[in-house]
Amino acid sequence: MTAKRNKTEQIAAESAVRQLAGNVSVAVPLGPGRRGELGLLEKALAVQTVQPLEVVVEEALDHNNHYVNRNKAWRRAKGGIIWFLDSDAIPEPDALERALETFAENDAEGVEGHVYGQIERVHKWGFMTIHIFYTREALEKVGGFDERFTDWRGDTDLAWSIIDAGGLILYQPLSRVCHPNLSNTRPDLEMERLFYGKHPALYREAREKNYLQCFINE
C-alpha cells in the first residue's frame, strides 16, 4: 500500500510540474550585437525535460539599460511565472523542472537557481537575474525592475523589494545554469547609495553578515 501511495504521489507531483511548465515564460534581454549568443541558449531550452510556454527575447538596438529590456520582456510575456535568463546562459536539461518542483512544493514568489562557470552565485543576497524565477504577481506588486539602476544592484533591488513586500524567494541548487562568460558589471557608488536608501534594514543585515563584496557605511 505504501509503495502504491508513493507512486501515486510521484505521478501527481510530476503532473503538477508539467502543468506549471506550461505557464512559464522565459525572458531574455539581448544587447546589441549579441544575437549570436542565443544559439546555445535556444538549444539548451529545446532539450529541457519539461517545456516552457514561450521564450520572449527583448533586443536592444543601442546600449540600453538591460533592466528596461527585462521589464519589456516580462510585461509582454503570457506566462504567470517568468524565468529570467541571460542570453549567454546555458541551463542544464532539468534546470526548469527542478525549479518548478520548488514552486510546486512551496508558496513562493521566487526561486533562484545555481549559477556556475565564469560567474558564480553570490552567497545568499545576490538573487542574480542570470537565472531566477518570479511569479508575475510578485513582479506586478513591486512594479518590476527599478529602471534607475544600470548594471549594479538592480537584480538584488528587485528581490529585496519583493521580500520587503512580504514575498518568499527560495534557492534551488539543483536547478543549474552555466555562465561561460565573465561579467562586465562594475561597482557603482551612485547605484549603491540608491540601493542602500531603498533597503536600509536589509542592507545593514547583509553588511553585518559579510554578504556584500563592497558597501557603504552611514
N, C-alpha and C. Protein backbone atom coordinates (compact mmCIF):
# COMPACT_ATOMS: atom_id res chain seq x y z
N MET A 1 0.84 -1.20 0.00
CA MET A 1 0.00 0.00 0.00
C MET A 1 0.88 1.27 0.00
N THR A 2 1.97 1.23 0.78
CA THR A 2 2.85 2.40 0.85
C THR A 2 3.51 2.67 -0.50
N ALA A 3 3.98 1.59 -1.16
CA ALA A 3 4.62 1.76 -2.47
C ALA A 3 3.64 2.33 -3.49
N LYS A 4 2.40 1.86 -3.45
CA LYS A 4 1.38 2.36 -4.37
C LYS A 4 1.08 3.82 -4.10
N ARG A 5 0.99 4.20 -2.81
CA ARG A 5 0.73 5.59 -2.45
C ARG A 5 1.90 6.47 -2.89
N ASN A 6 3.14 5.99 -2.68
CA ASN A 6 4.29 6.78 -3.11
C ASN A 6 4.31 6.99 -4.61
N LYS A 7 3.93 5.94 -5.37
CA LYS A 7 3.88 6.05 -6.82
C LYS A 7 2.82 7.05 -7.25
N THR A 8 1.68 7.02 -6.57
CA THR A 8 0.60 7.96 -6.88
C THR A 8 1.03 9.39 -6.60
N GLU A 9 1.71 9.59 -5.48
CA GLU A 9 2.19 10.92 -5.12
C GLU A 9 3.23 11.42 -6.13
N GLN A 10 4.10 10.51 -6.59
CA GLN A 10 5.11 10.88 -7.59
C GLN A 10 4.46 11.31 -8.89
N ILE A 11 3.46 10.56 -9.34
CA ILE A 11 2.75 10.90 -10.57
C ILE A 11 2.06 12.25 -10.44
N ALA A 12 1.46 12.50 -9.27
CA ALA A 12 0.78 13.78 -9.04
C ALA A 12 1.77 14.93 -9.05
N ALA A 13 2.95 14.72 -8.45
CA ALA A 13 3.97 15.77 -8.42
C ALA A 13 4.48 16.07 -9.82
N GLU A 14 4.71 15.02 -10.61
CA GLU A 14 5.18 15.22 -11.99
C GLU A 14 4.14 15.94 -12.81
N SER A 15 2.88 15.63 -12.59
CA SER A 15 1.80 16.31 -13.31
C SER A 15 1.74 17.79 -12.94
N ALA A 16 1.95 18.09 -11.66
CA ALA A 16 1.92 19.47 -11.21
C ALA A 16 3.05 20.27 -11.83
N VAL A 17 4.22 19.65 -11.95
CA VAL A 17 5.36 20.34 -12.56
C VAL A 17 5.11 20.60 -14.04
N ARG A 18 4.56 19.60 -14.75
CA ARG A 18 4.25 19.79 -16.17
C ARG A 18 3.23 20.90 -16.36
N GLN A 19 2.25 20.95 -15.48
CA GLN A 19 1.24 21.99 -15.56
C GLN A 19 1.85 23.37 -15.33
N LEU A 20 2.74 23.48 -14.37
CA LEU A 20 3.42 24.74 -14.12
C LEU A 20 4.29 25.15 -15.30
N ALA A 21 4.95 24.18 -15.92
CA ALA A 21 5.83 24.48 -17.05
C ALA A 21 5.07 25.17 -18.18
N GLY A 22 3.82 24.79 -18.38
CA GLY A 22 3.01 25.41 -19.41
C GLY A 22 2.60 26.83 -19.10
N ASN A 23 3.01 27.31 -17.92
CA ASN A 23 2.71 28.69 -17.52
C ASN A 23 3.98 29.50 -17.34
N VAL A 24 5.11 29.01 -17.88
CA VAL A 24 6.41 29.67 -17.73
C VAL A 24 6.79 30.39 -19.01
N SER A 25 7.10 31.67 -18.88
CA SER A 25 7.67 32.45 -19.98
C SER A 25 9.14 32.71 -19.67
N VAL A 26 10.01 32.38 -20.62
CA VAL A 26 11.43 32.67 -20.48
C VAL A 26 11.69 34.07 -21.01
N ALA A 27 12.26 34.94 -20.19
CA ALA A 27 12.51 36.34 -20.57
C ALA A 27 14.02 36.56 -20.71
N VAL A 28 14.43 36.96 -21.90
CA VAL A 28 15.85 37.10 -22.20
C VAL A 28 16.14 38.49 -22.74
N PRO A 29 16.95 39.31 -22.05
CA PRO A 29 17.37 40.59 -22.61
C PRO A 29 18.56 40.36 -23.54
N LEU A 30 18.58 41.09 -24.63
CA LEU A 30 19.65 40.88 -25.61
C LEU A 30 20.25 42.22 -26.00
N GLY A 31 21.53 42.38 -25.70
CA GLY A 31 22.22 43.61 -26.05
C GLY A 31 22.55 43.66 -27.53
N PRO A 32 22.93 44.83 -28.03
CA PRO A 32 23.26 44.98 -29.45
C PRO A 32 24.47 44.12 -29.83
N GLY A 33 24.36 43.46 -30.98
CA GLY A 33 25.45 42.64 -31.46
C GLY A 33 25.63 41.32 -30.75
N ARG A 34 24.65 40.90 -29.97
CA ARG A 34 24.82 39.68 -29.18
C ARG A 34 23.86 38.56 -29.59
N ARG A 35 23.22 38.70 -30.74
CA ARG A 35 22.26 37.69 -31.18
C ARG A 35 22.92 36.33 -31.36
N GLY A 36 24.20 36.31 -31.70
CA GLY A 36 24.90 35.05 -31.88
C GLY A 36 24.95 34.20 -30.62
N GLU A 37 24.80 34.82 -29.45
CA GLU A 37 24.81 34.08 -28.20
C GLU A 37 23.59 33.19 -28.03
N LEU A 38 22.51 33.52 -28.72
CA LEU A 38 21.25 32.84 -28.48
C LEU A 38 21.25 31.38 -28.89
N GLY A 39 22.14 31.01 -29.81
CA GLY A 39 22.12 29.65 -30.32
C GLY A 39 22.24 28.59 -29.24
N LEU A 40 23.24 28.73 -28.36
CA LEU A 40 23.43 27.75 -27.30
C LEU A 40 22.27 27.75 -26.31
N LEU A 41 21.76 28.95 -26.00
CA LEU A 41 20.63 29.04 -25.08
C LEU A 41 19.40 28.36 -25.68
N GLU A 42 19.12 28.62 -26.94
CA GLU A 42 17.94 28.02 -27.59
C GLU A 42 18.05 26.50 -27.62
N LYS A 43 19.25 25.98 -27.89
CA LYS A 43 19.44 24.53 -27.90
C LYS A 43 19.22 23.95 -26.51
N ALA A 44 19.70 24.66 -25.49
CA ALA A 44 19.54 24.17 -24.11
C ALA A 44 18.07 24.19 -23.69
N LEU A 45 17.33 25.19 -24.12
CA LEU A 45 15.91 25.26 -23.79
C LEU A 45 15.11 24.19 -24.52
N ALA A 46 15.54 23.85 -25.72
CA ALA A 46 14.82 22.86 -26.53
C ALA A 46 14.88 21.46 -25.93
N VAL A 47 15.88 21.19 -25.10
CA VAL A 47 16.02 19.84 -24.53
C VAL A 47 15.67 19.82 -23.04
N GLN A 48 14.97 20.85 -22.55
CA GLN A 48 14.52 20.81 -21.16
C GLN A 48 13.56 19.64 -20.95
N THR A 49 13.65 19.03 -19.80
CA THR A 49 12.81 17.86 -19.51
C THR A 49 11.33 18.21 -19.43
N VAL A 50 11.03 19.44 -19.11
CA VAL A 50 9.67 19.98 -19.28
C VAL A 50 9.81 21.28 -20.07
N GLN A 51 8.83 21.55 -20.91
CA GLN A 51 8.95 22.68 -21.83
C GLN A 51 8.17 23.90 -21.37
N PRO A 52 8.79 25.09 -21.46
CA PRO A 52 8.07 26.32 -21.08
C PRO A 52 7.03 26.69 -22.13
N LEU A 53 6.19 27.62 -21.77
CA LEU A 53 5.16 28.12 -22.68
C LEU A 53 5.78 28.85 -23.86
N GLU A 54 6.79 29.69 -23.60
CA GLU A 54 7.33 30.55 -24.65
C GLU A 54 8.69 31.09 -24.22
N VAL A 55 9.42 31.61 -25.20
CA VAL A 55 10.66 32.34 -24.96
C VAL A 55 10.48 33.74 -25.54
N VAL A 56 10.65 34.75 -24.70
CA VAL A 56 10.49 36.14 -25.11
C VAL A 56 11.86 36.81 -25.08
N VAL A 57 12.35 37.19 -26.25
CA VAL A 57 13.65 37.86 -26.36
C VAL A 57 13.41 39.34 -26.62
N GLU A 58 13.96 40.18 -25.77
CA GLU A 58 13.82 41.64 -25.92
C GLU A 58 15.18 42.20 -26.32
N GLU A 59 15.29 42.59 -27.58
CA GLU A 59 16.56 43.04 -28.11
C GLU A 59 16.67 44.55 -28.09
N ALA A 60 17.79 45.04 -27.57
CA ALA A 60 18.06 46.49 -27.55
C ALA A 60 18.78 46.87 -28.84
N LEU A 61 18.37 47.99 -29.43
CA LEU A 61 19.02 48.46 -30.64
C LEU A 61 20.24 49.32 -30.34
N ASP A 62 20.33 49.76 -29.08
CA ASP A 62 21.51 50.51 -28.65
C ASP A 62 21.91 49.99 -27.28
N HIS A 63 22.88 50.62 -26.66
CA HIS A 63 23.34 50.15 -25.35
C HIS A 63 22.38 50.62 -24.26
N ASN A 64 21.22 50.01 -24.25
CA ASN A 64 20.16 50.38 -23.33
C ASN A 64 20.38 49.69 -21.97
N ASN A 65 19.75 50.21 -20.95
CA ASN A 65 19.72 49.58 -19.64
C ASN A 65 19.03 48.22 -19.77
N HIS A 66 19.73 47.13 -19.42
CA HIS A 66 19.12 45.81 -19.64
C HIS A 66 17.97 45.54 -18.69
N TYR A 67 17.84 46.32 -17.61
CA TYR A 67 16.65 46.16 -16.77
C TYR A 67 15.41 46.68 -17.49
N VAL A 68 15.58 47.66 -18.35
CA VAL A 68 14.48 48.11 -19.21
C VAL A 68 14.04 46.97 -20.12
N ASN A 69 15.02 46.27 -20.71
CA ASN A 69 14.70 45.15 -21.60
C ASN A 69 14.02 44.01 -20.85
N ARG A 70 14.47 43.74 -19.64
CA ARG A 70 13.83 42.68 -18.85
C ARG A 70 12.38 43.05 -18.53
N ASN A 71 12.15 44.32 -18.18
CA ASN A 71 10.78 44.76 -17.92
C ASN A 71 9.91 44.61 -19.15
N LYS A 72 10.43 45.02 -20.29
CA LYS A 72 9.66 44.90 -21.53
C LYS A 72 9.33 43.43 -21.82
N ALA A 73 10.30 42.55 -21.58
CA ALA A 73 10.11 41.13 -21.87
C ALA A 73 9.02 40.52 -21.00
N TRP A 74 9.09 40.71 -19.68
CA TRP A 74 8.10 40.05 -18.83
C TRP A 74 6.72 40.67 -18.98
N ARG A 75 6.67 41.95 -19.30
CA ARG A 75 5.35 42.60 -19.44
C ARG A 75 4.61 42.16 -20.69
N ARG A 76 5.33 41.75 -21.73
CA ARG A 76 4.63 41.25 -22.92
C ARG A 76 4.56 39.73 -22.95
N ALA A 77 5.10 39.08 -21.93
CA ALA A 77 5.02 37.63 -21.84
C ALA A 77 3.61 37.19 -21.41
N LYS A 78 3.29 35.95 -21.70
CA LYS A 78 1.95 35.42 -21.39
C LYS A 78 1.92 34.63 -20.09
N GLY A 79 3.06 34.15 -19.64
CA GLY A 79 3.08 33.23 -18.51
C GLY A 79 2.88 33.89 -17.16
N GLY A 80 2.47 33.07 -16.20
CA GLY A 80 2.31 33.53 -14.83
C GLY A 80 3.58 33.39 -14.01
N ILE A 81 4.57 32.64 -14.54
CA ILE A 81 5.89 32.53 -13.94
C ILE A 81 6.91 32.97 -14.98
N ILE A 82 7.79 33.87 -14.59
CA ILE A 82 8.79 34.41 -15.51
C ILE A 82 10.15 33.86 -15.14
N TRP A 83 10.79 33.23 -16.12
CA TRP A 83 12.14 32.70 -15.93
C TRP A 83 13.11 33.66 -16.60
N PHE A 84 13.83 34.44 -15.79
CA PHE A 84 14.82 35.37 -16.32
C PHE A 84 16.14 34.63 -16.56
N LEU A 85 16.65 34.73 -17.78
CA LEU A 85 17.92 34.15 -18.15
C LEU A 85 18.75 35.16 -18.93
N ASP A 86 20.06 35.15 -18.73
CA ASP A 86 20.95 35.93 -19.59
C ASP A 86 21.04 35.25 -20.96
N SER A 87 21.34 36.03 -21.98
CA SER A 87 21.41 35.47 -23.33
C SER A 87 22.57 34.50 -23.50
N ASP A 88 23.59 34.60 -22.65
CA ASP A 88 24.74 33.70 -22.74
C ASP A 88 24.72 32.64 -21.65
N ALA A 89 23.58 32.45 -21.01
CA ALA A 89 23.44 31.39 -20.01
C ALA A 89 23.08 30.08 -20.70
N ILE A 90 23.55 28.97 -20.12
CA ILE A 90 23.27 27.65 -20.69
C ILE A 90 22.68 26.76 -19.59
N PRO A 91 21.36 26.64 -19.54
CA PRO A 91 20.74 25.82 -18.49
C PRO A 91 20.93 24.33 -18.73
N GLU A 92 21.15 23.59 -17.64
CA GLU A 92 21.19 22.14 -17.74
C GLU A 92 19.80 21.61 -18.06
N PRO A 93 19.69 20.38 -18.62
CA PRO A 93 18.40 19.89 -19.13
C PRO A 93 17.25 19.88 -18.12
N ASP A 94 17.55 19.70 -16.85
CA ASP A 94 16.48 19.66 -15.85
C ASP A 94 16.39 20.94 -15.03
N ALA A 95 17.01 22.02 -15.51
CA ALA A 95 17.01 23.28 -14.74
C ALA A 95 15.59 23.79 -14.48
N LEU A 96 14.76 23.76 -15.50
CA LEU A 96 13.39 24.23 -15.34
C LEU A 96 12.60 23.30 -14.43
N GLU A 97 12.72 22.01 -14.66
CA GLU A 97 11.97 21.04 -13.86
C GLU A 97 12.30 21.15 -12.38
N ARG A 98 13.58 21.26 -12.07
CA ARG A 98 13.98 21.34 -10.66
C ARG A 98 13.44 22.60 -9.99
N ALA A 99 13.48 23.71 -10.69
CA ALA A 99 12.95 24.95 -10.11
C ALA A 99 11.44 24.85 -9.89
N LEU A 100 10.75 24.25 -10.84
CA LEU A 100 9.29 24.14 -10.71
C LEU A 100 8.88 23.17 -9.62
N GLU A 101 9.71 22.19 -9.33
CA GLU A 101 9.44 21.32 -8.18
C GLU A 101 9.39 22.15 -6.90
N THR A 102 10.27 23.13 -6.80
CA THR A 102 10.29 24.00 -5.63
C THR A 102 9.03 24.85 -5.58
N PHE A 103 8.60 25.39 -6.73
CA PHE A 103 7.35 26.14 -6.76
C PHE A 103 6.17 25.25 -6.37
N ALA A 104 6.16 24.02 -6.86
CA ALA A 104 5.04 23.11 -6.60
C ALA A 104 4.91 22.74 -5.13
N GLU A 105 6.05 22.72 -4.44
CA GLU A 105 6.07 22.29 -3.03
C GLU A 105 5.99 23.43 -2.04
N ASN A 106 6.09 24.66 -2.52
CA ASN A 106 6.14 25.81 -1.62
C ASN A 106 5.30 26.96 -2.17
N ASP A 107 4.83 27.80 -1.27
CA ASP A 107 4.10 29.00 -1.66
C ASP A 107 5.10 30.15 -1.75
N ALA A 108 5.87 30.16 -2.85
CA ALA A 108 6.95 31.11 -3.01
C ALA A 108 6.68 32.09 -4.14
N GLU A 109 7.24 33.29 -4.01
CA GLU A 109 7.16 34.29 -5.06
C GLU A 109 8.33 34.20 -6.04
N GLY A 110 9.39 33.53 -5.63
CA GLY A 110 10.55 33.41 -6.49
C GLY A 110 11.38 32.20 -6.15
N VAL A 111 12.12 31.73 -7.16
CA VAL A 111 13.07 30.63 -6.97
C VAL A 111 14.35 31.01 -7.71
N GLU A 112 15.46 31.03 -6.98
CA GLU A 112 16.75 31.30 -7.60
C GLU A 112 17.48 29.99 -7.78
N GLY A 113 18.04 29.79 -9.00
CA GLY A 113 18.83 28.61 -9.27
C GLY A 113 20.30 28.85 -9.04
N HIS A 114 21.09 27.80 -9.28
CA HIS A 114 22.54 27.89 -9.08
C HIS A 114 23.22 28.28 -10.39
N VAL A 115 24.15 29.21 -10.31
CA VAL A 115 24.94 29.66 -11.46
C VAL A 115 26.39 29.27 -11.23
N TYR A 116 27.01 28.68 -12.26
CA TYR A 116 28.42 28.32 -12.17
C TYR A 116 29.12 28.68 -13.49
N GLY A 117 30.42 28.58 -13.51
CA GLY A 117 31.19 28.97 -14.70
C GLY A 117 32.06 30.17 -14.37
N GLN A 118 32.09 31.14 -15.28
CA GLN A 118 32.87 32.35 -15.04
C GLN A 118 32.20 33.27 -14.01
N ILE A 119 30.91 33.08 -13.79
CA ILE A 119 30.18 33.79 -12.73
C ILE A 119 29.56 32.75 -11.81
N GLU A 120 29.71 32.93 -10.51
CA GLU A 120 29.14 32.02 -9.53
C GLU A 120 28.06 32.73 -8.74
N ARG A 121 27.09 31.96 -8.27
CA ARG A 121 26.08 32.54 -7.39
C ARG A 121 26.77 33.14 -6.17
N VAL A 122 26.31 34.33 -5.77
CA VAL A 122 26.96 35.07 -4.69
C VAL A 122 26.18 34.92 -3.39
N HIS A 123 26.67 34.07 -2.49
CA HIS A 123 26.12 33.93 -1.13
C HIS A 123 24.60 33.87 -1.13
N LYS A 124 23.97 34.55 -0.17
CA LYS A 124 22.53 34.47 -0.03
C LYS A 124 21.81 35.74 -0.47
N TRP A 125 22.56 36.75 -0.81
CA TRP A 125 21.91 38.04 -1.02
C TRP A 125 21.77 38.40 -2.49
N GLY A 126 22.46 37.70 -3.39
CA GLY A 126 22.63 38.20 -4.75
C GLY A 126 21.39 38.21 -5.61
N PHE A 127 20.65 37.08 -5.65
CA PHE A 127 19.45 36.98 -6.47
C PHE A 127 19.74 37.41 -7.91
N MET A 128 20.71 36.76 -8.54
CA MET A 128 21.16 37.19 -9.85
C MET A 128 20.15 36.83 -10.94
N THR A 129 19.85 37.79 -11.79
CA THR A 129 18.88 37.55 -12.87
C THR A 129 19.50 36.79 -14.03
N ILE A 130 20.71 36.31 -13.88
CA ILE A 130 21.27 35.35 -14.83
C ILE A 130 20.34 34.14 -14.92
N HIS A 131 19.77 33.75 -13.77
CA HIS A 131 18.95 32.53 -13.70
C HIS A 131 18.07 32.61 -12.45
N ILE A 132 16.86 33.15 -12.62
CA ILE A 132 15.95 33.29 -11.48
C ILE A 132 14.51 33.32 -11.99
N PHE A 133 13.60 32.85 -11.16
CA PHE A 133 12.18 32.79 -11.50
C PHE A 133 11.40 33.68 -10.53
N TYR A 134 10.41 34.40 -11.07
CA TYR A 134 9.48 35.15 -10.24
C TYR A 134 8.06 34.94 -10.76
N THR A 135 7.10 34.99 -9.85
CA THR A 135 5.71 34.99 -10.30
C THR A 135 5.38 36.36 -10.88
N ARG A 136 4.49 36.35 -11.86
CA ARG A 136 4.05 37.63 -12.44
C ARG A 136 3.41 38.50 -11.36
N GLU A 137 2.67 37.88 -10.46
CA GLU A 137 2.01 38.63 -9.40
C GLU A 137 3.01 39.40 -8.56
N ALA A 138 4.14 38.75 -8.23
CA ALA A 138 5.17 39.42 -7.42
C ALA A 138 5.79 40.58 -8.18
N LEU A 139 6.05 40.38 -9.47
CA LEU A 139 6.63 41.44 -10.29
C LEU A 139 5.68 42.63 -10.40
N GLU A 140 4.42 42.34 -10.61
CA GLU A 140 3.43 43.42 -10.73
C GLU A 140 3.28 44.17 -9.41
N LYS A 141 3.38 43.46 -8.31
CA LYS A 141 3.19 44.08 -6.99
C LYS A 141 4.24 45.15 -6.72
N VAL A 142 5.48 44.92 -7.17
CA VAL A 142 6.56 45.88 -6.89
C VAL A 142 6.90 46.74 -8.10
N GLY A 143 6.22 46.50 -9.23
CA GLY A 143 6.46 47.32 -10.42
C GLY A 143 7.62 46.86 -11.28
N GLY A 144 8.11 45.63 -11.05
CA GLY A 144 9.23 45.13 -11.85
C GLY A 144 10.55 45.74 -11.43
N PHE A 145 11.50 45.72 -12.34
CA PHE A 145 12.83 46.29 -12.06
C PHE A 145 12.76 47.80 -11.98
N ASP A 146 13.47 48.36 -11.03
CA ASP A 146 13.61 49.81 -10.92
C ASP A 146 14.61 50.25 -11.99
N GLU A 147 14.12 50.95 -13.00
CA GLU A 147 14.96 51.29 -14.15
C GLU A 147 15.93 52.43 -13.89
N ARG A 148 15.97 52.94 -12.66
CA ARG A 148 17.02 53.89 -12.30
C ARG A 148 18.37 53.19 -12.16
N PHE A 149 18.33 51.88 -11.85
CA PHE A 149 19.56 51.11 -11.76
C PHE A 149 20.08 50.82 -13.17
N THR A 150 21.40 50.71 -13.28
CA THR A 150 22.02 50.38 -14.57
C THR A 150 22.44 48.91 -14.54
N ASP A 151 23.71 48.65 -14.30
CA ASP A 151 24.18 47.26 -14.22
C ASP A 151 24.42 46.81 -12.79
N TRP A 152 24.37 47.72 -11.85
CA TRP A 152 24.79 47.42 -10.48
C TRP A 152 23.61 47.43 -9.52
N ARG A 153 23.37 46.31 -8.86
CA ARG A 153 22.41 46.16 -7.76
C ARG A 153 20.94 46.08 -8.20
N GLY A 154 20.65 46.24 -9.48
CA GLY A 154 19.25 46.24 -9.89
C GLY A 154 18.54 44.92 -9.68
N ASP A 155 19.25 43.80 -9.88
CA ASP A 155 18.62 42.50 -9.67
C ASP A 155 18.38 42.23 -8.19
N THR A 156 19.36 42.61 -7.35
CA THR A 156 19.17 42.44 -5.91
C THR A 156 18.08 43.37 -5.40
N ASP A 157 18.00 44.57 -5.95
CA ASP A 157 16.95 45.51 -5.56
C ASP A 157 15.57 44.92 -5.82
N LEU A 158 15.37 44.27 -6.96
CA LEU A 158 14.08 43.66 -7.26
C LEU A 158 13.74 42.60 -6.22
N ALA A 159 14.70 41.74 -5.93
CA ALA A 159 14.46 40.68 -4.96
C ALA A 159 14.14 41.25 -3.58
N TRP A 160 14.92 42.23 -3.15
CA TRP A 160 14.68 42.81 -1.84
C TRP A 160 13.36 43.57 -1.79
N SER A 161 12.94 44.14 -2.89
CA SER A 161 11.62 44.80 -2.93
C SER A 161 10.51 43.77 -2.74
N ILE A 162 10.67 42.60 -3.36
CA ILE A 162 9.69 41.53 -3.19
C ILE A 162 9.70 41.02 -1.76
N ILE A 163 10.87 40.87 -1.16
CA ILE A 163 10.97 40.44 0.23
C ILE A 163 10.37 41.49 1.16
N ASP A 164 10.66 42.77 0.90
CA ASP A 164 10.08 43.85 1.71
C ASP A 164 8.56 43.84 1.65
N ALA A 165 8.01 43.37 0.53
CA ALA A 165 6.55 43.32 0.36
C ALA A 165 5.95 42.04 0.92
N GLY A 166 6.77 41.23 1.60
CA GLY A 166 6.28 40.01 2.24
C GLY A 166 6.48 38.76 1.42
N GLY A 167 7.20 38.84 0.32
CA GLY A 167 7.40 37.69 -0.55
C GLY A 167 8.50 36.76 -0.07
N LEU A 168 8.44 35.53 -0.56
CA LEU A 168 9.41 34.49 -0.22
C LEU A 168 10.17 34.09 -1.49
N ILE A 169 11.50 34.13 -1.43
CA ILE A 169 12.35 33.70 -2.54
C ILE A 169 13.24 32.57 -2.04
N LEU A 170 13.15 31.42 -2.68
CA LEU A 170 13.89 30.24 -2.26
C LEU A 170 15.04 29.95 -3.21
N TYR A 171 16.02 29.22 -2.71
CA TYR A 171 17.18 28.83 -3.52
C TYR A 171 17.10 27.34 -3.81
N GLN A 172 17.21 26.98 -5.10
CA GLN A 172 17.20 25.58 -5.50
C GLN A 172 18.53 25.26 -6.19
N PRO A 173 19.48 24.68 -5.47
CA PRO A 173 20.81 24.43 -6.04
C PRO A 173 20.83 23.39 -7.15
N LEU A 174 19.78 22.57 -7.25
CA LEU A 174 19.73 21.54 -8.30
C LEU A 174 19.30 22.10 -9.65
N SER A 175 18.79 23.32 -9.65
CA SER A 175 18.44 24.00 -10.91
C SER A 175 19.66 24.79 -11.35
N ARG A 176 20.42 24.24 -12.31
CA ARG A 176 21.77 24.72 -12.57
C ARG A 176 21.90 25.32 -13.97
N VAL A 177 22.63 26.43 -14.03
CA VAL A 177 22.91 27.12 -15.30
C VAL A 177 24.39 27.47 -15.35
N CYS A 178 25.01 27.23 -16.49
CA CYS A 178 26.39 27.63 -16.70
C CYS A 178 26.44 29.02 -17.33
N HIS A 179 27.29 29.88 -16.78
CA HIS A 179 27.53 31.20 -17.38
C HIS A 179 28.99 31.23 -17.81
N PRO A 180 29.27 30.96 -19.10
CA PRO A 180 30.64 30.77 -19.54
C PRO A 180 31.45 32.06 -19.69
N ASN A 181 30.79 33.20 -19.66
CA ASN A 181 31.49 34.47 -19.89
C ASN A 181 31.64 35.26 -18.61
N LEU A 182 32.68 36.08 -18.56
CA LEU A 182 32.89 36.97 -17.42
C LEU A 182 31.85 38.09 -17.41
N SER A 183 31.61 38.66 -16.25
CA SER A 183 30.67 39.78 -16.12
C SER A 183 31.36 41.10 -16.46
N ASN A 184 30.59 41.99 -17.09
CA ASN A 184 31.07 43.34 -17.35
C ASN A 184 30.64 44.32 -16.26
N THR A 185 29.89 43.83 -15.27
CA THR A 185 29.36 44.70 -14.23
C THR A 185 30.47 45.18 -13.30
N ARG A 186 30.44 46.46 -12.99
CA ARG A 186 31.42 47.04 -12.08
C ARG A 186 30.71 47.83 -10.99
N PRO A 187 31.27 47.89 -9.78
CA PRO A 187 30.64 48.64 -8.70
C PRO A 187 30.38 50.09 -9.10
N ASP A 188 29.24 50.60 -8.65
CA ASP A 188 28.83 51.97 -8.97
C ASP A 188 28.34 52.61 -7.67
N LEU A 189 29.06 53.61 -7.17
CA LEU A 189 28.76 54.21 -5.88
C LEU A 189 27.39 54.88 -5.87
N GLU A 190 27.01 55.52 -6.97
CA GLU A 190 25.70 56.17 -7.03
C GLU A 190 24.59 55.14 -6.91
N MET A 191 24.73 54.01 -7.62
CA MET A 191 23.73 52.95 -7.54
C MET A 191 23.72 52.32 -6.14
N GLU A 192 24.89 52.23 -5.52
CA GLU A 192 24.98 51.66 -4.18
C GLU A 192 24.22 52.53 -3.18
N ARG A 193 24.33 53.84 -3.32
CA ARG A 193 23.60 54.75 -2.43
C ARG A 193 22.08 54.61 -2.64
N LEU A 194 21.67 54.49 -3.89
CA LEU A 194 20.25 54.31 -4.19
C LEU A 194 19.76 53.00 -3.57
N PHE A 195 20.52 51.96 -3.71
CA PHE A 195 20.18 50.64 -3.17
C PHE A 195 20.06 50.69 -1.65
N TYR A 196 21.03 51.30 -1.00
CA TYR A 196 21.00 51.41 0.46
C TYR A 196 19.81 52.24 0.92
N GLY A 197 19.53 53.32 0.21
CA GLY A 197 18.42 54.17 0.60
C GLY A 197 17.07 53.48 0.51
N LYS A 198 16.94 52.53 -0.40
CA LYS A 198 15.67 51.81 -0.56
C LYS A 198 15.50 50.68 0.46
N HIS A 199 16.62 50.09 0.92
CA HIS A 199 16.54 48.90 1.77
C HIS A 199 17.52 48.99 2.94
N PRO A 200 17.41 50.00 3.79
CA PRO A 200 18.43 50.18 4.84
C PRO A 200 18.54 49.01 5.80
N ALA A 201 17.41 48.41 6.19
CA ALA A 201 17.46 47.32 7.17
C ALA A 201 18.13 46.07 6.58
N LEU A 202 17.70 45.67 5.39
CA LEU A 202 18.29 44.51 4.75
C LEU A 202 19.76 44.77 4.40
N TYR A 203 20.07 46.00 4.03
CA TYR A 203 21.45 46.35 3.68
C TYR A 203 22.35 46.18 4.90
N ARG A 204 21.92 46.71 6.05
CA ARG A 204 22.74 46.58 7.26
C ARG A 204 22.94 45.12 7.63
N GLU A 205 21.87 44.32 7.51
CA GLU A 205 21.98 42.90 7.83
C GLU A 205 22.98 42.21 6.91
N ALA A 206 22.88 42.48 5.60
CA ALA A 206 23.79 41.86 4.63
C ALA A 206 25.23 42.31 4.88
N ARG A 207 25.39 43.56 5.25
CA ARG A 207 26.73 44.08 5.52
C ARG A 207 27.32 43.40 6.76
N GLU A 208 26.51 43.24 7.78
CA GLU A 208 27.00 42.61 9.01
C GLU A 208 27.36 41.14 8.80
N LYS A 209 26.67 40.47 7.87
CA LYS A 209 26.92 39.06 7.60
C LYS A 209 27.98 38.85 6.51
N ASN A 210 28.58 39.96 6.06
CA ASN A 210 29.64 39.90 5.03
C ASN A 210 29.14 39.33 3.71
N TYR A 211 27.88 39.62 3.37
CA TYR A 211 27.34 39.19 2.09
C TYR A 211 27.69 40.16 0.97
N LEU A 212 28.09 41.36 1.30
CA LEU A 212 28.35 42.39 0.29
C LEU A 212 29.84 42.45 0.00
N GLN A 213 30.20 42.37 -1.32
CA GLN A 213 31.61 42.47 -1.66
C GLN A 213 32.14 43.89 -1.41
N CYS A 214 31.30 44.87 -1.65
CA CYS A 214 31.64 46.25 -1.33
C CYS A 214 30.39 46.91 -0.78
N PHE A 215 30.57 47.94 0.04
CA PHE A 215 29.41 48.54 0.69
C PHE A 215 29.74 49.94 1.13
N ILE A 216 28.70 50.66 1.57
CA ILE A 216 28.89 51.98 2.13
C ILE A 216 28.48 51.94 3.60
N ASN A 217 29.07 52.83 4.37
CA ASN A 217 28.68 52.99 5.77
C ASN A 217 27.87 54.26 5.92
N GLU A 218 27.08 54.31 6.99
CA GLU A 218 26.31 55.53 7.23
C GLU A 218 27.25 56.70 7.51
